[in-house]
Amino acid sequence: IQTMHSDTIEGAPGTVSQVRGCAFELIRY
């Protein structure tokens, strides 16, 4: 999950916002 990246969120992969946002999208799916 630390390597995942979302283009709708600013920040590099592994940052708090990226990890939280990517996990939210995957869990919702």
mmCIF file of all heavy atoms, coordinates in Angstrom:
data_MODEL
# 
_entry.id   MODEL 
# 
loop_
_atom_site.group_PDB 
_atom_site.id 
_atom_site.type_symbol 
_atom_site.label_atom_id 
_atom_site.label_alt_id 
_atom_site.label_comp_id 
_atom_site.label_asym_id 
_atom_site.label_entity_id 
_atom_site.label_seq_id 
_atom_site.pdbx_PDB_ins_code 
_atom_site.Cartn_x 
_atom_site.Cartn_y 
_atom_site.Cartn_z 
_atom_site.occupancy 
_atom_site.B_iso_or_equiv 
_atom_site.pdbx_formal_charge 
_atom_site.auth_seq_id 
_atom_site.auth_comp_id 
_atom_site.auth_asym_id 
_atom_site.auth_atom_id 
_atom_site.pdbx_PDB_model_num 
ATOM 1   N N   . ILE A 1 1  ? 0.827   -1.202 0.000   1.00 0.00 ? 1  ILE A N   1 
ATOM 2   C CA  . ILE A 1 1  ? 0.000   0.000  0.000   1.00 0.00 ? 1  ILE A CA  1 
ATOM 3   C C   . ILE A 1 1  ? 0.866   1.258  0.000   1.00 0.00 ? 1  ILE A C   1 
ATOM 4   O O   . ILE A 1 1  ? 0.444   2.315  -0.477  1.00 0.00 ? 1  ILE A O   1 
ATOM 5   C CB  . ILE A 1 1  ? -0.951  -0.021 1.224   1.00 0.00 ? 1  ILE A CB  1 
ATOM 6   C CG1 . ILE A 1 1  ? -1.946  1.142  1.168   1.00 0.00 ? 1  ILE A CG1 1 
ATOM 7   C CG2 . ILE A 1 1  ? -0.160  -0.023 2.521   1.00 0.00 ? 1  ILE A CG2 1 
ATOM 8   C CD1 . ILE A 1 1  ? -2.829  1.144  -0.045  1.00 0.00 ? 1  ILE A CD1 1 
ATOM 9   N N   . GLN A 1 2  ? 2.113   1.179  0.497   1.00 0.00 ? 2  GLN A N   1 
ATOM 10  C CA  . GLN A 1 2  ? 2.985   2.351  0.524   1.00 0.00 ? 2  GLN A CA  1 
ATOM 11  C C   . GLN A 1 2  ? 3.482   2.749  -0.867  1.00 0.00 ? 2  GLN A C   1 
ATOM 12  O O   . GLN A 1 2  ? 3.985   3.854  -1.048  1.00 0.00 ? 2  GLN A O   1 
ATOM 13  C CB  . GLN A 1 2  ? 4.192   2.098  1.432   1.00 0.00 ? 2  GLN A CB  1 
ATOM 14  C CG  . GLN A 1 2  ? 3.967   2.454  2.881   1.00 0.00 ? 2  GLN A CG  1 
ATOM 15  C CD  . GLN A 1 2  ? 3.191   1.385  3.616   1.00 0.00 ? 2  GLN A CD  1 
ATOM 16  O OE1 . GLN A 1 2  ? 3.052   0.272  3.126   1.00 0.00 ? 2  GLN A OE1 1 
ATOM 17  N NE2 . GLN A 1 2  ? 2.694   1.700  4.798   1.00 0.00 ? 2  GLN A NE2 1 
ATOM 18  N N   . THR A 1 3  ? 3.346   1.852  -1.850  1.00 0.00 ? 3  THR A N   1 
ATOM 19  C CA  . THR A 1 3  ? 3.780   2.177  -3.213  1.00 0.00 ? 3  THR A CA  1 
ATOM 20  C C   . THR A 1 3  ? 2.642   2.682  -4.082  1.00 0.00 ? 3  THR A C   1 
ATOM 21  O O   . THR A 1 3  ? 2.887   3.119  -5.217  1.00 0.00 ? 3  THR A O   1 
ATOM 22  C CB  . THR A 1 3  ? 4.390   0.936  -3.884  1.00 0.00 ? 3  THR A CB  1 
ATOM 23  O OG1 . THR A 1 3  ? 3.382   -0.111 -3.961  1.00 0.00 ? 3  THR A OG1 1 
ATOM 24  C CG2 . THR A 1 3  ? 5.576   0.415  -3.085  1.00 0.00 ? 3  THR A CG2 1 
ATOM 25  N N   . MET A 1 4  ? 1.407   2.647  -3.582  1.00 0.00 ? 4  MET A N   1 
ATOM 26  C CA  . MET A 1 4  ? 0.263   3.078  -4.371  1.00 0.00 ? 4  MET A CA  1 
ATOM 27  C C   . MET A 1 4  ? 0.190   4.605  -4.431  1.00 0.00 ? 4  MET A C   1 
ATOM 28  O O   . MET A 1 4  ? 0.606   5.306  -3.505  1.00 0.00 ? 4  MET A O   1 
ATOM 29  C CB  . MET A 1 4  ? -1.028  2.518  -3.781  1.00 0.00 ? 4  MET A CB  1 
ATOM 30  C CG  . MET A 1 4  ? -1.139  1.001  -3.864  1.00 0.00 ? 4  MET A CG  1 
ATOM 31  S SD  . MET A 1 4  ? -1.227  0.372  -5.558  1.00 0.00 ? 4  MET A SD  1 
ATOM 32  C CE  . MET A 1 4  ? 0.355   -0.467 -5.679  1.00 0.00 ? 4  MET A CE  1 
ATOM 33  N N   . HIS A 1 5  ? -0.352  5.114  -5.546  1.00 0.00 ? 5  HIS A N   1 
ATOM 34  C CA  . HIS A 1 5  ? -0.411  6.554  -5.775  1.00 0.00 ? 5  HIS A CA  1 
ATOM 35  C C   . HIS A 1 5  ? -1.741  6.899  -6.421  1.00 0.00 ? 5  HIS A C   1 
ATOM 36  O O   . HIS A 1 5  ? -2.229  6.185  -7.316  1.00 0.00 ? 5  HIS A O   1 
ATOM 37  C CB  . HIS A 1 5  ? 0.753   7.000  -6.670  1.00 0.00 ? 5  HIS A CB  1 
ATOM 38  C CG  . HIS A 1 5  ? 0.737   8.464  -6.982  1.00 0.00 ? 5  HIS A CG  1 
ATOM 39  N ND1 . HIS A 1 5  ? 0.113   8.986  -8.095  1.00 0.00 ? 5  HIS A ND1 1 
ATOM 40  C CD2 . HIS A 1 5  ? 1.259   9.523  -6.307  1.00 0.00 ? 5  HIS A CD2 1 
ATOM 41  C CE1 . HIS A 1 5  ? 0.245   10.298 -8.097  1.00 0.00 ? 5  HIS A CE1 1 
ATOM 42  N NE2 . HIS A 1 5  ? 0.941   10.645 -7.028  1.00 0.00 ? 5  HIS A NE2 1 
ATOM 43  N N   . SER A 1 6  ? -2.346  7.986  -5.949  1.00 0.00 ? 6  SER A N   1 
ATOM 44  C CA  . SER A 1 6  ? -3.588  8.493  -6.530  1.00 0.00 ? 6  SER A CA  1 
ATOM 45  C C   . SER A 1 6  ? -3.323  9.878  -7.100  1.00 0.00 ? 6  SER A C   1 
ATOM 46  O O   . SER A 1 6  ? -2.764  10.744 -6.411  1.00 0.00 ? 6  SER A O   1 
ATOM 47  C CB  . SER A 1 6  ? -4.688  8.568  -5.463  1.00 0.00 ? 6  SER A CB  1 
ATOM 48  O OG  . SER A 1 6  ? -5.849  9.172  -6.006  1.00 0.00 ? 6  SER A OG  1 
ATOM 49  N N   . ASP A 1 7  ? -3.713  10.107 -8.361  1.00 0.00 ? 7  ASP A N   1 
ATOM 50  C CA  . ASP A 1 7  ? -3.460  11.398 -8.992  1.00 0.00 ? 7  ASP A CA  1 
ATOM 51  C C   . ASP A 1 7  ? -4.397  12.486 -8.503  1.00 0.00 ? 7  ASP A C   1 
ATOM 52  O O   . ASP A 1 7  ? -4.242  13.656 -8.871  1.00 0.00 ? 7  ASP A O   1 
ATOM 53  C CB  . ASP A 1 7  ? -3.549  11.271 -10.517 1.00 0.00 ? 7  ASP A CB  1 
ATOM 54  C CG  . ASP A 1 7  ? -4.869  10.652 -10.965 1.00 0.00 ? 7  ASP A CG  1 
ATOM 55  O OD1 . ASP A 1 7  ? -5.750  10.437 -10.110 1.00 0.00 ? 7  ASP A OD1 1 
ATOM 56  O OD2 . ASP A 1 7  ? -5.014  10.378 -12.173 1.00 0.00 ? 7  ASP A OD2 1 
ATOM 57  N N   . THR A 1 8  ? -5.383  12.156 -7.695  1.00 0.00 ? 8  THR A N   1 
ATOM 58  C CA  . THR A 1 8  ? -6.283  13.161 -7.129  1.00 0.00 ? 8  THR A CA  1 
ATOM 59  C C   . THR A 1 8  ? -5.784  13.713 -5.800  1.00 0.00 ? 8  THR A C   1 
ATOM 60  O O   . THR A 1 8  ? -6.408  14.601 -5.230  1.00 0.00 ? 8  THR A O   1 
ATOM 61  C CB  . THR A 1 8  ? -7.681  12.542 -6.914  1.00 0.00 ? 8  THR A CB  1 
ATOM 62  O OG1 . THR A 1 8  ? -7.590  11.449 -5.991  1.00 0.00 ? 8  THR A OG1 1 
ATOM 63  C CG2 . THR A 1 8  ? -8.253  12.045 -8.231  1.00 0.00 ? 8  THR A CG2 1 
ATOM 64  N N   . ILE A 1 9  ? -4.669  13.173 -5.290  1.00 0.00 ? 9  ILE A N   1 
ATOM 65  C CA  . ILE A 1 9  ? -4.123  13.591 -3.999  1.00 0.00 ? 9  ILE A CA  1 
ATOM 66  C C   . ILE A 1 9  ? -2.694  14.057 -4.218  1.00 0.00 ? 9  ILE A C   1 
ATOM 67  O O   . ILE A 1 9  ? -1.911  13.402 -4.912  1.00 0.00 ? 9  ILE A O   1 
ATOM 68  C CB  . ILE A 1 9  ? -4.156  12.440 -2.974  1.00 0.00 ? 9  ILE A CB  1 
ATOM 69  C CG1 . ILE A 1 9  ? -5.580  11.914 -2.814  1.00 0.00 ? 9  ILE A CG1 1 
ATOM 70  C CG2 . ILE A 1 9  ? -3.616  12.891 -1.627  1.00 0.00 ? 9  ILE A CG2 1 
ATOM 71  C CD1 . ILE A 1 9  ? -5.672  10.685 -1.937  1.00 0.00 ? 9  ILE A CD1 1 
ATOM 72  N N   . GLU A 1 10 ? -2.361  15.209 -3.646  1.00 0.00 ? 10 GLU A N   1 
ATOM 73  C CA  . GLU A 1 10 ? -1.000  15.715 -3.739  1.00 0.00 ? 10 GLU A CA  1 
ATOM 74  C C   . GLU A 1 10 ? -0.102  14.953 -2.774  1.00 0.00 ? 10 GLU A C   1 
ATOM 75  O O   . GLU A 1 10 ? -0.525  14.506 -1.722  1.00 0.00 ? 10 GLU A O   1 
ATOM 76  C CB  . GLU A 1 10 ? -0.962  17.214 -3.412  1.00 0.00 ? 10 GLU A CB  1 
ATOM 77  C CG  . GLU A 1 10 ? -1.710  18.076 -4.409  1.00 0.00 ? 10 GLU A CG  1 
ATOM 78  C CD  . GLU A 1 10 ? -1.542  19.548 -4.097  1.00 0.00 ? 10 GLU A CD  1 
ATOM 79  O OE1 . GLU A 1 10 ? -0.653  19.877 -3.292  1.00 0.00 ? 10 GLU A OE1 1 
ATOM 80  O OE2 . GLU A 1 10 ? -2.293  20.355 -4.652  1.00 0.00 ? 10 GLU A OE2 1 
ATOM 81  N N   . GLY A 1 11 ? 1.143   14.833 -3.160  1.00 0.00 ? 11 GLY A N   1 
ATOM 82  C CA  . GLY A 1 11 ? 2.097   14.142 -2.300  1.00 0.00 ? 11 GLY A CA  1 
ATOM 83  C C   . GLY A 1 11 ? 2.693   12.932 -2.992  1.00 0.00 ? 11 GLY A C   1 
ATOM 84  O O   . GLY A 1 11 ? 2.116   12.357 -3.930  1.00 0.00 ? 11 GLY A O   1 
ATOM 85  N N   . ALA A 1 12 ? 3.850   12.536 -2.519  1.00 0.00 ? 12 ALA A N   1 
ATOM 86  C CA  . ALA A 1 12 ? 4.542   11.383 -3.077  1.00 0.00 ? 12 ALA A CA  1 
ATOM 87  C C   . ALA A 1 12 ? 3.963   10.096 -2.506  1.00 0.00 ? 12 ALA A C   1 
ATOM 88  O O   . ALA A 1 12 ? 3.339   10.095 -1.434  1.00 0.00 ? 12 ALA A O   1 
ATOM 89  C CB  . ALA A 1 12 ? 6.036   11.472 -2.765  1.00 0.00 ? 12 ALA A CB  1 
ATOM 90  N N   . PRO A 1 13 ? 4.137   8.956  -3.194  1.00 0.00 ? 13 PRO A N   1 
ATOM 91  C CA  . PRO A 1 13 ? 3.678   7.670  -2.641  1.00 0.00 ? 13 PRO A CA  1 
ATOM 92  C C   . PRO A 1 13 ? 4.336   7.394  -1.294  1.00 0.00 ? 13 PRO A C   1 
ATOM 93  O O   . PRO A 1 13 ? 5.526   7.635  -1.105  1.00 0.00 ? 13 PRO A O   1 
ATOM 94  C CB  . PRO A 1 13 ? 4.113   6.655  -3.701  1.00 0.00 ? 13 PRO A CB  1 
ATOM 95  C CG  . PRO A 1 13 ? 4.218   7.444  -4.963  1.00 0.00 ? 13 PRO A CG  1 
ATOM 96  C CD  . PRO A 1 13 ? 4.672   8.814  -4.559  1.00 0.00 ? 13 PRO A CD  1 
ATOM 97  N N   . GLY A 1 14 ? 3.548   6.901  -0.361  1.00 0.00 ? 14 GLY A N   1 
ATOM 98  C CA  . GLY A 1 14 ? 4.051   6.598  0.970   1.00 0.00 ? 14 GLY A CA  1 
ATOM 99  C C   . GLY A 1 14 ? 3.757   7.665  1.999   1.00 0.00 ? 14 GLY A C   1 
ATOM 100 O O   . GLY A 1 14 ? 3.911   7.409  3.197   1.00 0.00 ? 14 GLY A O   1 
ATOM 101 N N   . THR A 1 15 ? 3.330   8.858  1.571   1.00 0.00 ? 15 THR A N   1 
ATOM 102 C CA  . THR A 1 15 ? 2.971   9.893  2.528   1.00 0.00 ? 15 THR A CA  1 
ATOM 103 C C   . THR A 1 15 ? 1.641   9.548  3.193   1.00 0.00 ? 15 THR A C   1 
ATOM 104 O O   . THR A 1 15 ? 0.888   8.680  2.734   1.00 0.00 ? 15 THR A O   1 
ATOM 105 C CB  . THR A 1 15 ? 2.886   11.254 1.836   1.00 0.00 ? 15 THR A CB  1 
ATOM 106 O OG1 . THR A 1 15 ? 1.917   11.185 0.773   1.00 0.00 ? 15 THR A OG1 1 
ATOM 107 C CG2 . THR A 1 15 ? 4.229   11.657 1.269   1.00 0.00 ? 15 THR A CG2 1 
ATOM 108 N N   . VAL A 1 16 ? 1.352   10.267 4.265   1.00 0.00 ? 16 VAL A N   1 
ATOM 109 C CA  . VAL A 1 16 ? 0.135   9.966  5.028   1.00 0.00 ? 16 VAL A CA  1 
ATOM 110 C C   . VAL A 1 16 ? -1.111  10.132 4.171   1.00 0.00 ? 16 VAL A C   1 
ATOM 111 O O   . VAL A 1 16 ? -2.010  9.284  4.161   1.00 0.00 ? 16 VAL A O   1 
ATOM 112 C CB  . VAL A 1 16 ? 0.067   10.864 6.282   1.00 0.00 ? 16 VAL A CB  1 
ATOM 113 C CG1 . VAL A 1 16 ? -1.260  10.681 6.999   1.00 0.00 ? 16 VAL A CG1 1 
ATOM 114 C CG2 . VAL A 1 16 ? 1.214   10.558 7.218   1.00 0.00 ? 16 VAL A CG2 1 
ATOM 115 N N   . SER A 1 17 ? -1.184  11.240 3.423   1.00 0.00 ? 17 SER A N   1 
ATOM 116 C CA  . SER A 1 17 ? -2.375  11.490 2.616   1.00 0.00 ? 17 SER A CA  1 
ATOM 117 C C   . SER A 1 17 ? -2.525  10.456 1.514   1.00 0.00 ? 17 SER A C   1 
ATOM 118 O O   . SER A 1 17 ? -3.654  10.005 1.229   1.00 0.00 ? 17 SER A O   1 
ATOM 119 C CB  . SER A 1 17 ? -2.302  12.898 2.020   1.00 0.00 ? 17 SER A CB  1 
ATOM 120 O OG  . SER A 1 17 ? -1.099  13.063 1.279   1.00 0.00 ? 17 SER A OG  1 
ATOM 121 N N   . GLN A 1 18 ? -1.432  10.053 0.870   1.00 0.00 ? 18 GLN A N   1 
ATOM 122 C CA  . GLN A 1 18 ? -1.513  9.069  -0.206  1.00 0.00 ? 18 GLN A CA  1 
ATOM 123 C C   . GLN A 1 18 ? -1.917  7.697  0.326   1.00 0.00 ? 18 GLN A C   1 
ATOM 124 O O   . GLN A 1 18 ? -2.788  7.027  -0.250  1.00 0.00 ? 18 GLN A O   1 
ATOM 125 C CB  . GLN A 1 18 ? -0.171  8.968  -0.932  1.00 0.00 ? 18 GLN A CB  1 
ATOM 126 C CG  . GLN A 1 18 ? 0.105   10.120 -1.877  1.00 0.00 ? 18 GLN A CG  1 
ATOM 127 C CD  . GLN A 1 18 ? -0.721  10.039 -3.153  1.00 0.00 ? 18 GLN A CD  1 
ATOM 128 O OE1 . GLN A 1 18 ? -1.398  9.039  -3.412  1.00 0.00 ? 18 GLN A OE1 1 
ATOM 129 N NE2 . GLN A 1 18 ? -0.687  11.087 -3.955  1.00 0.00 ? 18 GLN A NE2 1 
ATOM 130 N N   . VAL A 1 19 ? -1.305  7.265  1.408   1.00 0.00 ? 19 VAL A N   1 
ATOM 131 C CA  . VAL A 1 19 ? -1.636  5.953  1.962   1.00 0.00 ? 19 VAL A CA  1 
ATOM 132 C C   . VAL A 1 19 ? -3.088  5.902  2.396   1.00 0.00 ? 19 VAL A C   1 
ATOM 133 O O   . VAL A 1 19 ? -3.816  4.936  2.115   1.00 0.00 ? 19 VAL A O   1 
ATOM 134 C CB  . VAL A 1 19 ? -0.692  5.622  3.143   1.00 0.00 ? 19 VAL A CB  1 
ATOM 135 C CG1 . VAL A 1 19 ? -1.163  4.373  3.872   1.00 0.00 ? 19 VAL A CG1 1 
ATOM 136 C CG2 . VAL A 1 19 ? 0.731   5.421  2.644   1.00 0.00 ? 19 VAL A CG2 1 
ATOM 137 N N   . ARG A 1 20 ? -3.543  6.932  3.079   1.00 0.00 ? 20 ARG A N   1 
ATOM 138 C CA  . ARG A 1 20 ? -4.917  6.954  3.556   1.00 0.00 ? 20 ARG A CA  1 
ATOM 139 C C   . ARG A 1 20 ? -5.913  7.024  2.406   1.00 0.00 ? 20 ARG A C   1 
ATOM 140 O O   . ARG A 1 20 ? -6.924  6.323  2.391   1.00 0.00 ? 20 ARG A O   1 
ATOM 141 C CB  . ARG A 1 20 ? -5.098  8.154  4.498   1.00 0.00 ? 20 ARG A CB  1 
ATOM 142 C CG  . ARG A 1 20 ? -6.473  8.249  5.145   1.00 0.00 ? 20 ARG A CG  1 
ATOM 143 C CD  . ARG A 1 20 ? -6.472  9.347  6.184   1.00 0.00 ? 20 ARG A CD  1 
ATOM 144 N NE  . ARG A 1 20 ? -5.931  10.593 5.623   1.00 0.00 ? 20 ARG A NE  1 
ATOM 145 C CZ  . ARG A 1 20 ? -5.466  11.588 6.355   1.00 0.00 ? 20 ARG A CZ  1 
ATOM 146 N NH1 . ARG A 1 20 ? -5.440  11.479 7.668   1.00 0.00 ? 20 ARG A NH1 1 
ATOM 147 N NH2 . ARG A 1 20 ? -5.025  12.695 5.785   1.00 0.00 ? 20 ARG A NH2 1 
ATOM 148 N N   . GLY A 1 21 ? -5.642  7.895  1.402   1.00 0.00 ? 21 GLY A N   1 
ATOM 149 C CA  . GLY A 1 21 ? -6.560  8.027  0.274   1.00 0.00 ? 21 GLY A CA  1 
ATOM 150 C C   . GLY A 1 21 ? -6.614  6.785  -0.594  1.00 0.00 ? 21 GLY A C   1 
ATOM 151 O O   . GLY A 1 21 ? -7.693  6.347  -1.005  1.00 0.00 ? 21 GLY A O   1 
ATOM 152 N N   . CYS A 1 22 ? -5.456  6.196  -0.892  1.00 0.00 ? 22 CYS A N   1 
ATOM 153 C CA  . CYS A 1 22 ? -5.433  4.979  -1.716  1.00 0.00 ? 22 CYS A CA  1 
ATOM 154 C C   . CYS A 1 22 ? -6.116  3.817  -1.008  1.00 0.00 ? 22 CYS A C   1 
ATOM 155 O O   . CYS A 1 22 ? -6.859  3.042  -1.625  1.00 0.00 ? 22 CYS A O   1 
ATOM 156 C CB  . CYS A 1 22 ? -3.997  4.619  -2.062  1.00 0.00 ? 22 CYS A CB  1 
ATOM 157 S SG  . CYS A 1 22 ? -3.158  5.826  -3.117  1.00 0.00 ? 22 CYS A SG  1 
ATOM 158 N N   . ALA A 1 23 ? -5.863  3.684  0.288   1.00 0.00 ? 23 ALA A N   1 
ATOM 159 C CA  . ALA A 1 23 ? -6.505  2.606  1.042   1.00 0.00 ? 23 ALA A CA  1 
ATOM 160 C C   . ALA A 1 23 ? -8.016  2.787  1.068   1.00 0.00 ? 23 ALA A C   1 
ATOM 161 O O   . ALA A 1 23 ? -8.770  1.811  0.958   1.00 0.00 ? 23 ALA A O   1 
ATOM 162 C CB  . ALA A 1 23 ? -5.952  2.555  2.462   1.00 0.00 ? 23 ALA A CB  1 
ATOM 163 N N   . PHE A 1 24 ? -8.479  4.026  1.196   1.00 0.00 ? 24 PHE A N   1 
ATOM 164 C CA  . PHE A 1 24 ? -9.920  4.277  1.208   1.00 0.00 ? 24 PHE A CA  1 
ATOM 165 C C   . PHE A 1 24 ? -10.569 3.857  -0.103  1.00 0.00 ? 24 PHE A C   1 
ATOM 166 O O   . PHE A 1 24 ? -11.636 3.222  -0.105  1.00 0.00 ? 24 PHE A O   1 
ATOM 167 C CB  . PHE A 1 24 ? -10.178 5.761  1.486   1.00 0.00 ? 24 PHE A CB  1 
ATOM 168 C CG  . PHE A 1 24 ? -11.630 6.145  1.415   1.00 0.00 ? 24 PHE A CG  1 
ATOM 169 C CD1 . PHE A 1 24 ? -12.498 5.842  2.455   1.00 0.00 ? 24 PHE A CD1 1 
ATOM 170 C CD2 . PHE A 1 24 ? -12.130 6.799  0.298   1.00 0.00 ? 24 PHE A CD2 1 
ATOM 171 C CE1 . PHE A 1 24 ? -13.843 6.188  2.375   1.00 0.00 ? 24 PHE A CE1 1 
ATOM 172 C CE2 . PHE A 1 24 ? -13.468 7.154  0.217   1.00 0.00 ? 24 PHE A CE2 1 
ATOM 173 C CZ  . PHE A 1 24 ? -14.329 6.848  1.261   1.00 0.00 ? 24 PHE A CZ  1 
ATOM 174 N N   . GLU A 1 25 ? -9.944  4.201  -1.230  1.00 0.00 ? 25 GLU A N   1 
ATOM 175 C CA  . GLU A 1 25 ? -10.517 3.836  -2.525  1.00 0.00 ? 25 GLU A CA  1 
ATOM 176 C C   . GLU A 1 25 ? -10.540 2.321  -2.721  1.00 0.00 ? 25 GLU A C   1 
ATOM 177 O O   . GLU A 1 25 ? -11.524 1.759  -3.216  1.00 0.00 ? 25 GLU A O   1 
ATOM 178 C CB  . GLU A 1 25 ? -9.712  4.496  -3.639  1.00 0.00 ? 25 GLU A CB  1 
ATOM 179 C CG  . GLU A 1 25 ? -9.825  6.007  -3.695  1.00 0.00 ? 25 GLU A CG  1 
ATOM 180 C CD  . GLU A 1 25 ? -11.229 6.467  -4.042  1.00 0.00 ? 25 GLU A CD  1 
ATOM 181 O OE1 . GLU A 1 25 ? -11.951 5.709  -4.736  1.00 0.00 ? 25 GLU A OE1 1 
ATOM 182 O OE2 . GLU A 1 25 ? -11.626 7.562  -3.622  1.00 0.00 ? 25 GLU A OE2 1 
ATOM 183 N N   . LEU A 1 26 ? -9.467  1.649  -2.340  1.00 0.00 ? 26 LEU A N   1 
ATOM 184 C CA  . LEU A 1 26 ? -9.411  0.192  -2.507  1.00 0.00 ? 26 LEU A CA  1 
ATOM 185 C C   . LEU A 1 26 ? -10.398 -0.514 -1.579  1.00 0.00 ? 26 LEU A C   1 
ATOM 186 O O   . LEU A 1 26 ? -11.039 -1.495 -1.979  1.00 0.00 ? 26 LEU A O   1 
ATOM 187 C CB  . LEU A 1 26 ? -7.987  -0.288 -2.246  1.00 0.00 ? 26 LEU A CB  1 
ATOM 188 C CG  . LEU A 1 26 ? -6.938  0.145  -3.279  1.00 0.00 ? 26 LEU A CG  1 
ATOM 189 C CD1 . LEU A 1 26 ? -5.536  -0.145 -2.773  1.00 0.00 ? 26 LEU A CD1 1 
ATOM 190 C CD2 . LEU A 1 26 ? -7.172  -0.568 -4.621  1.00 0.00 ? 26 LEU A CD2 1 
ATOM 191 N N   . ILE A 1 27 ? -10.517 -0.035 -0.350  1.00 0.00 ? 27 ILE A N   1 
ATOM 192 C CA  . ILE A 1 27 ? -11.454 -0.656 0.591   1.00 0.00 ? 27 ILE A CA  1 
ATOM 193 C C   . ILE A 1 27 ? -12.891 -0.442 0.137   1.00 0.00 ? 27 ILE A C   1 
ATOM 194 O O   . ILE A 1 27 ? -13.726 -1.343 0.244   1.00 0.00 ? 27 ILE A O   1 
ATOM 195 C CB  . ILE A 1 27 ? -11.227 -0.096 2.008   1.00 0.00 ? 27 ILE A CB  1 
ATOM 196 C CG1 . ILE A 1 27 ? -9.867  -0.557 2.545   1.00 0.00 ? 27 ILE A CG1 1 
ATOM 197 C CG2 . ILE A 1 27 ? -12.329 -0.535 2.956   1.00 0.00 ? 27 ILE A CG2 1 
ATOM 198 C CD1 . ILE A 1 27 ? -9.484  0.082  3.857   1.00 0.00 ? 27 ILE A CD1 1 
ATOM 199 N N   . ARG A 1 28 ? -13.186 0.737  -0.403  1.00 0.00 ? 28 ARG A N   1 
ATOM 200 C CA  . ARG A 1 28 ? -14.552 0.986  -0.898  1.00 0.00 ? 28 ARG A CA  1 
ATOM 201 C C   . ARG A 1 28 ? -14.882 0.058  -2.059  1.00 0.00 ? 28 ARG A C   1 
ATOM 202 O O   . ARG A 1 28 ? -15.999 -0.468 -2.152  1.00 0.00 ? 28 ARG A O   1 
ATOM 203 C CB  . ARG A 1 28 ? -14.680 2.450  -1.331  1.00 0.00 ? 28 ARG A CB  1 
ATOM 204 C CG  . ARG A 1 28 ? -16.089 2.808  -1.793  1.00 0.00 ? 28 ARG A CG  1 
ATOM 205 C CD  . ARG A 1 28 ? -16.231 4.283  -2.024  1.00 0.00 ? 28 ARG A CD  1 
ATOM 206 N NE  . ARG A 1 28 ? -15.357 4.759  -3.095  1.00 0.00 ? 28 ARG A NE  1 
ATOM 207 C CZ  . ARG A 1 28 ? -15.351 6.026  -3.527  1.00 0.00 ? 28 ARG A CZ  1 
ATOM 208 N NH1 . ARG A 1 28 ? -16.134 6.922  -2.962  1.00 0.00 ? 28 ARG A NH1 1 
ATOM 209 N NH2 . ARG A 1 28 ? -14.535 6.378  -4.504  1.00 0.00 ? 28 ARG A NH2 1 
ATOM 210 N N   . TYR A 1 29 ? -13.909 -0.169 -2.941  1.00 0.00 ? 29 TYR A N   1 
ATOM 211 C CA  . TYR A 1 29 ? -14.144 -1.119 -4.040  1.00 0.00 ? 29 TYR A CA  1 
ATOM 212 C C   . TYR A 1 29 ? -14.415 -2.523 -3.499  1.00 0.00 ? 29 TYR A C   1 
ATOM 213 O O   . TYR A 1 29 ? -15.310 -3.223 -3.990  1.00 0.00 ? 29 TYR A O   1 
ATOM 214 C CB  . TYR A 1 29 ? -12.945 -1.138 -4.981  1.00 0.00 ? 29 TYR A CB  1 
ATOM 215 C CG  . TYR A 1 29 ? -13.007 -2.236 -6.017  1.00 0.00 ? 29 TYR A CG  1 
ATOM 216 C CD1 . TYR A 1 29 ? -13.749 -2.086 -7.177  1.00 0.00 ? 29 TYR A CD1 1 
ATOM 217 C CD2 . TYR A 1 29 ? -12.339 -3.448 -5.817  1.00 0.00 ? 29 TYR A CD2 1 
ATOM 218 C CE1 . TYR A 1 29 ? -13.822 -3.108 -8.118  1.00 0.00 ? 29 TYR A CE1 1 
ATOM 219 C CE2 . TYR A 1 29 ? -12.396 -4.465 -6.750  1.00 0.00 ? 29 TYR A CE2 1 
ATOM 220 C CZ  . TYR A 1 29 ? -13.146 -4.288 -7.903  1.00 0.00 ? 29 TYR A CZ  1 
ATOM 221 O OH  . TYR A 1 29 ? -13.227 -5.296 -8.820  1.00 0.00 ? 29 TYR A OH  1 
# 
